[in-house]
């Protein structure tokens, strides 16, 4: 198993981590590993959701839902 050293952890954060580890009945190291795993999974999940949203918007066709396209809306606005 790899070893990761973290330096310059602010005291308030260190105290919160230590308290959380105690509450969860884990060592400080185990709690930090658990939190890191959770954070990485959340970031990866958020990235996948964002990519899916971008892809969906990229291939959206207004005509498919009977909505005017942006060119039509701009022309109407300029004619006013």
Protein backbone atom coordinates (compact mmCIF):
# COMPACT_ATOMS: atom_id res chain seq x y z
CA UNK A 1 0.00 0.00 0.00
CA UNK A 2 1.28 3.46 -0.83
CA UNK A 3 2.09 6.14 1.71
CA UNK A 4 0.93 9.73 1.36
CA UNK A 5 2.28 12.52 3.56
CA UNK A 6 0.31 15.74 3.82
CA UNK A 7 2.03 18.84 5.12
CA UNK A 8 0.82 22.21 6.33
CA UNK A 9 -2.67 21.07 7.33
CA UNK A 10 -4.36 24.02 9.04
CA UNK A 11 -4.94 23.37 12.75
CA UNK A 12 -8.74 23.86 12.56
CA UNK A 13 -9.01 21.31 9.76
CA UNK A 14 -6.74 18.88 11.60
CA UNK A 15 -8.91 19.19 14.71
CA UNK A 16 -12.08 18.57 12.68
CA UNK A 17 -10.55 15.51 11.02
CA UNK A 18 -9.38 14.16 14.34
CA UNK A 19 -12.82 14.68 15.89
CA UNK A 20 -14.53 13.08 12.91
CA UNK A 21 -12.21 10.06 13.10
CA UNK A 22 -13.02 9.68 16.78
CA UNK A 23 -16.76 9.92 16.09
CA UNK A 24 -16.50 7.31 13.32
CA UNK A 25 -14.27 5.11 15.51
CA UNK A 26 -11.46 5.16 12.98
CA UNK A 27 -7.85 6.14 13.08
CA UNK A 28 -7.03 9.53 11.64
CA UNK A 29 -5.35 7.85 8.67
CA UNK A 30 -8.36 5.63 7.98
CA UNK A 31 -10.71 8.60 8.16
CA UNK A 32 -8.59 10.64 5.75
CA UNK A 33 -8.44 7.72 3.28
CA UNK A 34 -12.23 7.32 3.53
CA UNK A 35 -12.77 11.02 2.88
CA UNK A 36 -10.33 11.03 -0.04
CA UNK A 37 -12.09 8.05 -1.64
CA UNK A 38 -15.45 9.77 -1.25
CA UNK A 39 -14.16 13.07 -2.66
CA UNK A 40 -12.56 11.44 -5.71
CA UNK A 41 -15.76 9.48 -6.44
CA UNK A 42 -17.84 12.66 -6.13
CA UNK A 43 -15.57 14.60 -8.48
CA UNK A 44 -15.61 11.78 -11.03
CA UNK A 45 -19.41 11.48 -10.80
CA UNK A 46 -19.85 15.24 -11.18
CA UNK A 47 -17.56 15.22 -14.23
CA UNK A 48 -19.58 12.43 -15.85
CA UNK A 49 -22.84 14.29 -15.18
CA UNK A 50 -21.37 17.48 -16.62
CA UNK A 51 -20.13 15.71 -19.74
CA UNK A 52 -23.52 14.07 -20.27
CA UNK A 53 -25.23 17.46 -19.91
CA UNK A 54 -22.83 19.08 -22.37
CA UNK A 55 -23.34 16.30 -24.89
CA UNK A 56 -27.10 16.49 -24.53
CA UNK A 57 -27.08 20.26 -25.07
CA UNK A 58 -24.64 20.01 -27.94
CA UNK A 59 -26.91 17.78 -29.97
CA UNK A 60 -30.20 19.42 -28.97
CA UNK A 61 -32.39 20.30 -31.92
CA UNK A 62 -35.04 22.95 -31.19
CA UNK A 63 -37.18 21.72 -34.09
CA UNK A 64 -37.57 18.34 -32.36
CA UNK A 65 -39.61 20.01 -29.60
CA UNK A 66 -41.30 22.60 -31.84
CA UNK A 67 -39.15 25.44 -30.52
CA UNK A 68 -37.74 28.17 -32.75
CA UNK A 69 -34.00 28.14 -33.30
CA UNK A 70 -31.81 31.01 -32.14
CA UNK A 71 -31.49 32.47 -35.65
CA UNK A 72 -35.27 32.87 -35.91
CA UNK A 73 -35.47 34.47 -32.47
CA UNK A 74 -32.65 36.93 -33.30
CA UNK A 75 -34.31 37.94 -36.57
CA UNK A 76 -37.63 38.53 -34.80
CA UNK A 77 -35.89 40.61 -32.15
CA UNK A 78 -34.05 42.74 -34.73
CA UNK A 79 -37.25 43.41 -36.66
CA UNK A 80 -38.90 45.03 -33.64
